[in-house]
Amino acid sequence: MDVVLAVFALLFLLFVGLGAYATVKAVGAAKRGVDRTIAQARRTVEDHTLRAKSFAQIGPAGEIAQLRLALRTSMRATQDALHAGAAEDESLKESLGLFERLSAHGHELDADLKRLESEPDRATLAERLPELRSRTERITSSADSLRWAVHDRARRFADDDLGTLSAQIDIEAGALRHWTRTEPGQASPQWPDAPAPAAADRPATGQTRPKAAGSHASQPAPDAIAPPSWRPTSPWQKKPRPESTT
């Protein structure tokens, strides 16, 4: 009885532990989801604010808002493309490492631009604008180059896969139309033989077709020695003298 109670106690503790672990994991996942939603909402609000400032304000303040908006848009698009591609292509891990290094410069530049938004000295702000514009163009150009390289790589893989799939479909379609080809082991139809030429149309040659075996008995055999042929005699030739009978 004590053994049964101990087993039930262990099972109860095991279920309680599993329940607590599942609860902690669920709470953590919910917290991360809430944090992600809040961060996304904050970014959306900040992007709309920057877009409004870039149109509403003029001068250095409006240009700084445009630089921040261009920087954030380019970096976010490249980050999404890399994370989406790395889930299917392991070779993009090195590209992710390079983007993380680029992101450090991007965050530093975004922080500098954000501080300069409330700068009261417009002259100093105008002096720093060329350097800030150059940094922004260098970072966004690198991010755009990396993003388009990822897109081109994904499109090349898709084209190769489509070509292989099309070839396989053509082979399968040909196999399904098996009745249009000659079956293995089945002889192809032969053309009819040409009719034999008539006796009058045959060319005269020195060779004749061999006769049947029964045709030799109906014809007499040729003489072994041909009879002497008649030859005309000339008048100046002497007549042969008859032989003496004595």
C-alpha atoms as a PDB file:
ATOM      1  CA  MET A   1       0.000   0.000   0.000  1.00  0.00           C
ATOM      2  CA  ASP A   2       2.853   2.354   0.819  1.00  0.00           C
ATOM      3  CA  VAL A   3       4.424   1.659  -2.587  1.00  0.00           C
ATOM      4  CA  VAL A   4       1.204   2.586  -4.383  1.00  0.00           C
ATOM      5  CA  LEU A   5       0.914   5.830  -2.420  1.00  0.00           C
ATOM      6  CA  ALA A   6       4.530   6.671  -3.247  1.00  0.00           C
ATOM      7  CA  VAL A   7       3.921   6.058  -6.950  1.00  0.00           C
ATOM      8  CA  PHE A   8       0.825   8.278  -6.917  1.00  0.00           C
ATOM      9  CA  ALA A   9       2.759  10.989  -5.067  1.00  0.00           C
ATOM     10  CA  LEU A  10       5.548  10.887  -7.630  1.00  0.00           C
ATOM     11  CA  LEU A  11       3.068  11.093 -10.486  1.00  0.00           C
ATOM     12  CA  PHE A  12       1.323  14.016  -8.822  1.00  0.00           C
ATOM     13  CA  LEU A  13       4.608  15.868  -8.365  1.00  0.00           C
ATOM     14  CA  LEU A  14       5.551  15.116 -11.962  1.00  0.00           C
ATOM     15  CA  PHE A  15       2.252  16.505 -13.273  1.00  0.00           C
ATOM     16  CA  VAL A  16       2.587  19.591 -11.068  1.00  0.00           C
ATOM     17  CA  GLY A  17       6.128  20.200 -12.335  1.00  0.00           C
ATOM     18  CA  LEU A  18       5.100  19.787 -15.972  1.00  0.00           C
ATOM     19  CA  GLY A  19       2.165  22.128 -15.437  1.00  0.00           C
ATOM     20  CA  ALA A  20       4.361  24.766 -13.844  1.00  0.00           C
ATOM     21  CA  TYR A  21       6.911  24.495 -16.674  1.00  0.00           C
ATOM     22  CA  ALA A  22       4.182  24.799 -19.321  1.00  0.00           C
ATOM     23  CA  THR A  23       2.721  27.804 -17.504  1.00  0.00           C
ATOM     24  CA  VAL A  24       6.090  29.555 -17.351  1.00  0.00           C
ATOM     25  CA  LYS A  25       6.708  28.889 -21.050  1.00  0.00           C
ATOM     26  CA  ALA A  26       3.250  30.149 -21.987  1.00  0.00           C
ATOM     27  CA  VAL A  27       3.674  33.301 -19.900  1.00  0.00           C
ATOM     28  CA  GLY A  28       7.100  33.933 -21.430  1.00  0.00           C
ATOM     29  CA  ALA A  29       5.770  33.447 -24.965  1.00  0.00           C
ATOM     30  CA  ALA A  30       2.850  35.757 -24.249  1.00  0.00           C
ATOM     31  CA  LYS A  31       5.191  38.372 -22.783  1.00  0.00           C
ATOM     32  CA  ARG A  32       7.470  38.185 -25.828  1.00  0.00           C
ATOM     33  CA  GLY A  33       4.456  38.497 -28.103  1.00  0.00           C
ATOM     34  CA  VAL A  34       3.237  41.557 -26.207  1.00  0.00           C
ATOM     35  CA  ASP A  35       6.703  43.124 -26.281  1.00  0.00           C
ATOM     36  CA  ARG A  36       6.977  42.432 -30.002  1.00  0.00           C
ATOM     37  CA  THR A  37       3.588  43.994 -30.622  1.00  0.00           C
ATOM     38  CA  ILE A  38       4.441  47.069 -28.549  1.00  0.00           C
ATOM     39  CA  ALA A  39       7.798  47.500 -30.316  1.00  0.00           C
ATOM     40  CA  GLN A  40       6.154  47.146 -33.718  1.00  0.00           C
ATOM     41  CA  ALA A  41       3.474  49.670 -32.798  1.00  0.00           C
ATOM     42  CA  ARG A  42       6.140  52.073 -31.519  1.00  0.00           C
ATOM     43  CA  ARG A  43       8.119  51.736 -34.755  1.00  0.00           C
ATOM     44  CA  THR A  44       5.000  52.321 -36.821  1.00  0.00           C
ATOM     45  CA  VAL A  45       4.138  55.457 -34.880  1.00  0.00           C
ATOM     46  CA  GLU A  46       7.692  56.758 -35.130  1.00  0.00           C
ATOM     47  CA  ASP A  47       7.812  56.105 -38.874  1.00  0.00           C
ATOM     48  CA  HIS A  48       4.555  57.995 -39.416  1.00  0.00           C
ATOM     49  CA  THR A  49       5.904  60.859 -37.275  1.00  0.00           C
ATOM     50  CA  LEU A  50       9.110  61.022 -39.309  1.00  0.00           C
ATOM     51  CA  ARG A  51       7.131  60.957 -42.563  1.00  0.00           C
ATOM     52  CA  ALA A  52       4.965  63.823 -41.330  1.00  0.00           C
ATOM     53  CA  LYS A  53       8.026  65.848 -40.263  1.00  0.00           C
ATOM     54  CA  SER A  54       9.748  65.293 -43.605  1.00  0.00           C
ATOM     55  CA  PHE A  55       6.764  66.836 -45.388  1.00  0.00           C
ATOM     56  CA  ALA A  56       5.827  69.478 -42.817  1.00  0.00           C
ATOM     57  CA  GLN A  57       9.236  70.848 -41.847  1.00  0.00           C
ATOM     58  CA  ILE A  58      11.611  72.572 -44.198  1.00  0.00           C
ATOM     59  CA  GLY A  59      15.317  73.102 -44.011  1.00  0.00           C
ATOM     60  CA  PRO A  60      17.783  70.949 -42.049  1.00  0.00           C
ATOM     61  CA  ALA A  61      15.145  69.588 -39.657  1.00  0.00           C
ATOM     62  CA  GLY A  62      13.037  68.204 -42.494  1.00  0.00           C
ATOM     63  CA  GLU A  63      16.090  66.687 -44.213  1.00  0.00           C
ATOM     64  CA  ILE A  64      17.155  64.952 -41.008  1.00  0.00           C
ATOM     65  CA  ALA A  65      13.698  63.406 -40.749  1.00  0.00           C
ATOM     66  CA  GLN A  66      14.024  62.196 -44.344  1.00  0.00           C
ATOM     67  CA  LEU A  67      17.442  60.686 -43.611  1.00  0.00           C
ATOM     68  CA  ARG A  68      16.133  58.830 -40.571  1.00  0.00           C
ATOM     69  CA  LEU A  69      13.130  57.534 -42.489  1.00  0.00           C
ATOM     70  CA  ALA A  70      15.278  56.304 -45.412  1.00  0.00           C
ATOM     71  CA  LEU A  71      17.757  54.643 -43.028  1.00  0.00           C
ATOM     72  CA  ARG A  72      15.120  52.831 -40.995  1.00  0.00           C
ATOM     73  CA  THR A  73      13.170  51.681 -44.070  1.00  0.00           C
ATOM     74  CA  SER A  74      16.247  50.251 -45.798  1.00  0.00           C
ATOM     75  CA  MET A  75      17.624  48.499 -42.706  1.00  0.00           C
ATOM     76  CA  ARG A  76      14.269  46.975 -41.767  1.00  0.00           C
ATOM     77  CA  ALA A  77      13.630  45.670 -45.298  1.00  0.00           C
ATOM     78  CA  THR A  78      17.097  44.091 -45.446  1.00  0.00           C
ATOM     79  CA  GLN A  79      16.662  42.530 -42.011  1.00  0.00           C
ATOM     80  CA  ASP A  80      13.338  40.950 -42.977  1.00  0.00           C
ATOM     81  CA  ALA A  81      14.766  39.611 -46.263  1.00  0.00           C
ATOM     82  CA  LEU A  82      17.798  38.068 -44.537  1.00  0.00           C
ATOM     83  CA  HIS A  83      15.802  36.414 -41.757  1.00  0.00           C
ATOM     84  CA  ALA A  84      13.287  35.029 -44.240  1.00  0.00           C
ATOM     85  CA  GLY A  85      16.031  33.686 -46.501  1.00  0.00           C
ATOM     86  CA  ALA A  86      18.167  32.248 -43.698  1.00  0.00           C
ATOM     87  CA  ALA A  87      15.288  29.988 -42.658  1.00  0.00           C
ATOM     88  CA  GLU A  88      15.634  28.123 -45.989  1.00  0.00           C
ATOM     89  CA  ASP A  89      19.259  28.822 -46.993  1.00  0.00           C
ATOM     90  CA  GLU A  90      21.993  28.018 -44.491  1.00  0.00           C
ATOM     91  CA  SER A  91      24.606  29.897 -46.523  1.00  0.00           C
ATOM     92  CA  LEU A  92      23.051  33.249 -45.502  1.00  0.00           C
ATOM     93  CA  LYS A  93      24.421  33.015 -41.955  1.00  0.00           C
ATOM     94  CA  GLU A  94      27.570  34.867 -42.989  1.00  0.00           C
ATOM     95  CA  SER A  95      25.396  37.543 -44.586  1.00  0.00           C
ATOM     96  CA  LEU A  96      23.489  37.859 -41.313  1.00  0.00           C
ATOM     97  CA  GLY A  97      26.781  38.408 -39.490  1.00  0.00           C
ATOM     98  CA  LEU A  98      27.718  41.183 -41.903  1.00  0.00           C
ATOM     99  CA  PHE A  99      24.305  42.778 -41.499  1.00  0.00           C
ATOM    100  CA  GLU A 100      24.657  42.757 -37.710  1.00  0.00           C
ATOM    101  CA  ARG A 101      27.881  44.714 -38.059  1.00  0.00           C
ATOM    102  CA  LEU A 102      26.177  47.102 -40.458  1.00  0.00           C
ATOM    103  CA  SER A 103      23.248  47.437 -38.055  1.00  0.00           C
ATOM    104  CA  ALA A 104      25.601  48.675 -35.332  1.00  0.00           C
ATOM    105  CA  HIS A 105      26.616  51.598 -37.576  1.00  0.00           C
ATOM    106  CA  GLY A 106      22.998  52.130 -38.536  1.00  0.00           C
ATOM    107  CA  HIS A 107      21.820  52.349 -34.917  1.00  0.00           C
ATOM    108  CA  GLU A 108      24.644  54.746 -34.119  1.00  0.00           C
ATOM    109  CA  LEU A 109      23.715  56.981 -37.051  1.00  0.00           C
ATOM    110  CA  ASP A 110      20.006  56.855 -36.144  1.00  0.00           C
ATOM    111  CA  ALA A 111      20.824  57.913 -32.589  1.00  0.00           C
ATOM    112  CA  ASP A 112      22.892  60.870 -33.860  1.00  0.00           C
ATOM    113  CA  LEU A 113      20.100  61.952 -36.188  1.00  0.00           C
ATOM    114  CA  LYS A 114      17.540  61.663 -33.412  1.00  0.00           C
ATOM    115  CA  ARG A 115      19.618  63.898 -31.117  1.00  0.00           C
ATOM    116  CA  LEU A 116      20.031  66.481 -33.873  1.00  0.00           C
ATOM    117  CA  GLU A 117      16.272  66.725 -34.401  1.00  0.00           C
ATOM    118  CA  SER A 118      16.013  68.928 -31.301  1.00  0.00           C
ATOM    119  CA  GLU A 119      19.203  70.904 -32.031  1.00  0.00           C
ATOM    120  CA  PRO A 120      18.399  74.639 -31.725  1.00  0.00           C
ATOM    121  CA  ASP A 121      21.520  75.807 -33.586  1.00  0.00           C
ATOM    122  CA  ARG A 122      20.474  75.614 -37.212  1.00  0.00           C
ATOM    123  CA  ALA A 123      23.858  76.758 -38.479  1.00  0.00           C
ATOM    124  CA  THR A 124      25.699  73.885 -36.803  1.00  0.00           C
ATOM    125  CA  LEU A 125      23.013  71.518 -38.008  1.00  0.00           C
ATOM    126  CA  ALA A 126      23.464  72.721 -41.596  1.00  0.00           C
ATOM    127  CA  GLU A 127      27.246  72.221 -41.330  1.00  0.00           C
ATOM    128  CA  ARG A 128      26.849  68.618 -40.207  1.00  0.00           C
ATOM    129  CA  LEU A 129      24.241  67.689 -42.791  1.00  0.00           C
ATOM    130  CA  PRO A 130      26.697  66.751 -45.621  1.00  0.00           C
ATOM    131  CA  GLU A 131      28.540  64.328 -43.361  1.00  0.00           C
ATOM    132  CA  LEU A 132      25.304  62.818 -42.063  1.00  0.00           C
ATOM    133  CA  ARG A 133      23.948  62.509 -45.602  1.00  0.00           C
ATOM    134  CA  SER A 134      27.108  60.713 -46.740  1.00  0.00           C
ATOM    135  CA  ARG A 135      26.969  58.251 -43.831  1.00  0.00           C
ATOM    136  CA  THR A 136      23.316  57.549 -44.492  1.00  0.00           C
ATOM    137  CA  GLU A 137      23.920  56.894 -48.199  1.00  0.00           C
ATOM    138  CA  ARG A 138      26.820  54.542 -47.467  1.00  0.00           C
ATOM    139  CA  ILE A 139      24.833  52.478 -44.974  1.00  0.00           C
ATOM    140  CA  THR A 140      21.646  52.348 -47.025  1.00  0.00           C
ATOM    141  CA  SER A 141      23.613  51.486 -50.179  1.00  0.00           C
ATOM    142  CA  SER A 142      25.286  48.547 -48.432  1.00  0.00           C
ATOM    143  CA  ALA A 143      21.958  47.383 -47.002  1.00  0.00           C
ATOM    144  CA  ASP A 144      20.232  47.651 -50.382  1.00  0.00           C
ATOM    145  CA  SER A 145      23.048  45.746 -52.112  1.00  0.00           C
ATOM    146  CA  LEU A 146      22.834  42.931 -49.583  1.00  0.00           C
ATOM    147  CA  ARG A 147      19.043  42.789 -49.820  1.00  0.00           C
ATOM    148  CA  TRP A 148      18.969  42.644 -53.619  1.00  0.00           C
ATOM    149  CA  ALA A 149      21.657  39.951 -53.602  1.00  0.00           C
ATOM    150  CA  VAL A 150      19.408  37.850 -51.353  1.00  0.00           C
ATOM    151  CA  HIS A 151      16.446  38.446 -53.665  1.00  0.00           C
ATOM    152  CA  ASP A 152      18.486  37.498 -56.749  1.00  0.00           C
ATOM    153  CA  ARG A 153      19.729  34.325 -55.065  1.00  0.00           C
ATOM    154  CA  ALA A 154      16.201  33.287 -54.122  1.00  0.00           C
ATOM    155  CA  ARG A 155      14.928  34.004 -57.645  1.00  0.00           C
ATOM    156  CA  ARG A 156      17.773  31.975 -59.197  1.00  0.00           C
ATOM    157  CA  PHE A 157      16.942  29.001 -56.975  1.00  0.00           C
ATOM    158  CA  ALA A 158      13.277  29.351 -57.918  1.00  0.00           C
ATOM    159  CA  ASP A 159      14.135  29.435 -61.640  1.00  0.00           C
ATOM    160  CA  ASP A 160      16.354  26.338 -61.333  1.00  0.00           C
ATOM    161  CA  ASP A 161      13.664  24.473 -59.430  1.00  0.00           C
ATOM    162  CA  LEU A 162      11.051  25.494 -61.994  1.00  0.00           C
ATOM    163  CA  GLY A 163      13.251  24.276 -64.852  1.00  0.00           C
ATOM    164  CA  THR A 164      13.806  20.903 -63.169  1.00  0.00           C
ATOM    165  CA  LEU A 165      10.105  20.600 -62.407  1.00  0.00           C
ATOM    166  CA  SER A 166       9.164  21.413 -66.014  1.00  0.00           C
ATOM    167  CA  ALA A 167      11.544  18.730 -67.315  1.00  0.00           C
ATOM    168  CA  GLN A 168      10.092  16.142 -64.937  1.00  0.00           C
ATOM    169  CA  ILE A 169       6.556  17.086 -65.954  1.00  0.00           C
ATOM    170  CA  ASP A 170       7.461  16.696 -69.646  1.00  0.00           C
ATOM    171  CA  ILE A 171       8.846  13.218 -68.962  1.00  0.00           C
ATOM    172  CA  GLU A 172       5.755  12.242 -66.987  1.00  0.00           C
ATOM    173  CA  ALA A 173       3.448  13.600 -69.693  1.00  0.00           C
ATOM    174  CA  GLY A 174       5.281  11.529 -72.291  1.00  0.00           C
ATOM    175  CA  ALA A 175       4.968   8.432 -70.108  1.00  0.00           C
ATOM    176  CA  LEU A 176       1.241   9.012 -69.714  1.00  0.00           C
ATOM    177  CA  ARG A 177       0.862   9.188 -73.523  1.00  0.00           C
ATOM    178  CA  HIS A 178       2.425   5.746 -73.942  1.00  0.00           C
ATOM    179  CA  TRP A 179       0.028   4.786 -76.734  1.00  0.00           C
ATOM    180  CA  THR A 180       1.676   7.238 -79.114  1.00  0.00           C
ATOM    181  CA  ARG A 181       4.941   5.280 -79.069  1.00  0.00           C
ATOM    182  CA  THR A 182       5.799   1.725 -80.147  1.00  0.00           C
ATOM    183  CA  GLU A 183       5.510  -0.671 -77.256  1.00  0.00           C
ATOM    184  CA  PRO A 184       8.730  -2.445 -76.230  1.00  0.00           C
ATOM    185  CA  GLY A 185       8.969  -5.796 -78.034  1.00  0.00           C
ATOM    186  CA  GLN A 186       6.388  -4.849 -80.661  1.00  0.00           C
ATOM    187  CA  ALA A 187       7.725  -4.771 -84.226  1.00  0.00           C
ATOM    188  CA  SER A 188       7.075  -1.658 -86.192  1.00  0.00           C
ATOM    189  CA  PRO A 189       4.803  -2.114 -89.251  1.00  0.00           C
ATOM    190  CA  GLN A 190       6.685  -3.120 -92.439  1.00  0.00           C
ATOM    191  CA  TRP A 191       6.216  -1.564 -95.820  1.00  0.00           C
ATOM    192  CA  PRO A 192       4.688  -3.962 -98.495  1.00  0.00           C
ATOM    193  CA  ASP A 193       7.120  -5.573-100.950  1.00  0.00           C
ATOM    194  CA  ALA A 194       7.321  -4.105-104.444  1.00  0.00           C
ATOM    195  CA  PRO A 195       5.522  -6.236-107.129  1.00  0.00           C
ATOM    196  CA  ALA A 196       7.762  -8.461-109.313  1.00  0.00           C
ATOM    197  CA  PRO A 197       8.357  -6.995-112.815  1.00  0.00           C
ATOM    198  CA  ALA A 198       6.684  -8.719-115.820  1.00  0.00           C
ATOM    199  CA  ALA A 199       8.669 -10.883-118.243  1.00  0.00           C
ATOM    200  CA  ALA A 200       8.490  -8.259-120.949  1.00  0.00           C
ATOM    201  CA  ASP A 201       9.751  -5.573-118.557  1.00  0.00           C
ATOM    202  CA  ARG A 202      12.734  -7.551-117.264  1.00  0.00           C
ATOM    203  CA  PRO A 203      16.124  -6.387-118.516  1.00  0.00           C
ATOM    204  CA  ALA A 204      17.922  -8.876-120.805  1.00  0.00           C
ATOM    205  CA  THR A 205      20.936 -10.206-118.983  1.00  0.00           C
ATOM    206  CA  GLY A 206      23.277 -13.102-119.510  1.00  0.00           C
ATOM    207  CA  GLN A 207      22.039 -14.819-116.403  1.00  0.00           C
ATOM    208  CA  THR A 208      18.758 -16.651-116.267  1.00  0.00           C
ATOM    209  CA  ARG A 209      16.776 -17.827-113.330  1.00  0.00           C
ATOM    210  CA  PRO A 210      17.393 -21.505-112.512  1.00  0.00           C
ATOM    211  CA  LYS A 211      14.627 -23.777-113.679  1.00  0.00           C
ATOM    212  CA  ALA A 212      12.731 -26.144-111.510  1.00  0.00           C
ATOM    213  CA  ALA A 213      14.009 -29.660-110.981  1.00  0.00           C
ATOM    214  CA  GLY A 214      11.157 -31.236-112.982  1.00  0.00           C
ATOM    215  CA  SER A 215      11.843 -29.254-116.134  1.00  0.00           C
ATOM    216  CA  HIS A 216      15.071 -31.141-117.045  1.00  0.00           C
ATOM    217  CA  ALA A 217      13.200 -34.420-117.900  1.00  0.00           C
ATOM    218  CA  SER A 218      10.973 -32.818-120.559  1.00  0.00           C
ATOM    219  CA  GLN A 219      13.884 -31.479-122.637  1.00  0.00           C
ATOM    220  CA  PRO A 220      16.479 -33.735-124.479  1.00  0.00           C
ATOM    221  CA  ALA A 221      20.044 -33.523-123.318  1.00  0.00           C
ATOM    222  CA  PRO A 222      22.344 -31.593-125.648  1.00  0.00           C
ATOM    223  CA  ASP A 223      24.834 -33.565-127.869  1.00  0.00           C
ATOM    224  CA  ALA A 224      28.275 -33.980-126.485  1.00  0.00           C
ATOM    225  CA  ILE A 225      29.916 -33.099-129.867  1.00  0.00           C
ATOM    226  CA  ALA A 226      28.285 -30.667-132.239  1.00  0.00           C
ATOM    227  CA  PRO A 227      27.921 -32.003-135.877  1.00  0.00           C
ATOM    228  CA  PRO A 228      30.315 -30.554-138.429  1.00  0.00           C
ATOM    229  CA  SER A 229      28.950 -27.545-140.140  1.00  0.00           C
ATOM    230  CA  TRP A 230      28.903 -27.257-143.994  1.00  0.00           C
ATOM    231  CA  ARG A 231      31.704 -25.219-145.456  1.00  0.00           C
ATOM    232  CA  PRO A 232      31.694 -23.959-149.048  1.00  0.00           C
ATOM    233  CA  THR A 233      34.521 -25.161-151.349  1.00  0.00           C
ATOM    234  CA  SER A 234      36.475 -22.946-153.608  1.00  0.00           C
ATOM    235  CA  PRO A 235      36.926 -23.826-157.357  1.00  0.00           C
ATOM    236  CA  TRP A 236      40.713 -23.858-157.141  1.00  0.00           C
ATOM    237  CA  GLN A 237      40.674 -26.534-154.494  1.00  0.00           C
ATOM    238  CA  LYS A 238      41.197 -30.075-155.773  1.00  0.00           C
ATOM    239  CA  LYS A 239      38.576 -32.652-155.207  1.00  0.00           C
ATOM    240  CA  PRO A 240      39.629 -35.383-152.885  1.00  0.00           C
ATOM    241  CA  ARG A 241      40.678 -38.521-154.645  1.00  0.00           C
ATOM    242  CA  PRO A 242      38.644 -41.569-153.804  1.00  0.00           C
ATOM    243  CA  GLU A 243      40.476 -44.221-151.942  1.00  0.00           C
ATOM    244  CA  SER A 244      41.396 -47.351-153.797  1.00  0.00           C
ATOM    245  CA  THR A 245      39.393 -50.366-153.005  1.00  0.00           C
ATOM    246  CA  THR A 246      42.209 -52.677-153.797  1.00  0.00           C
END
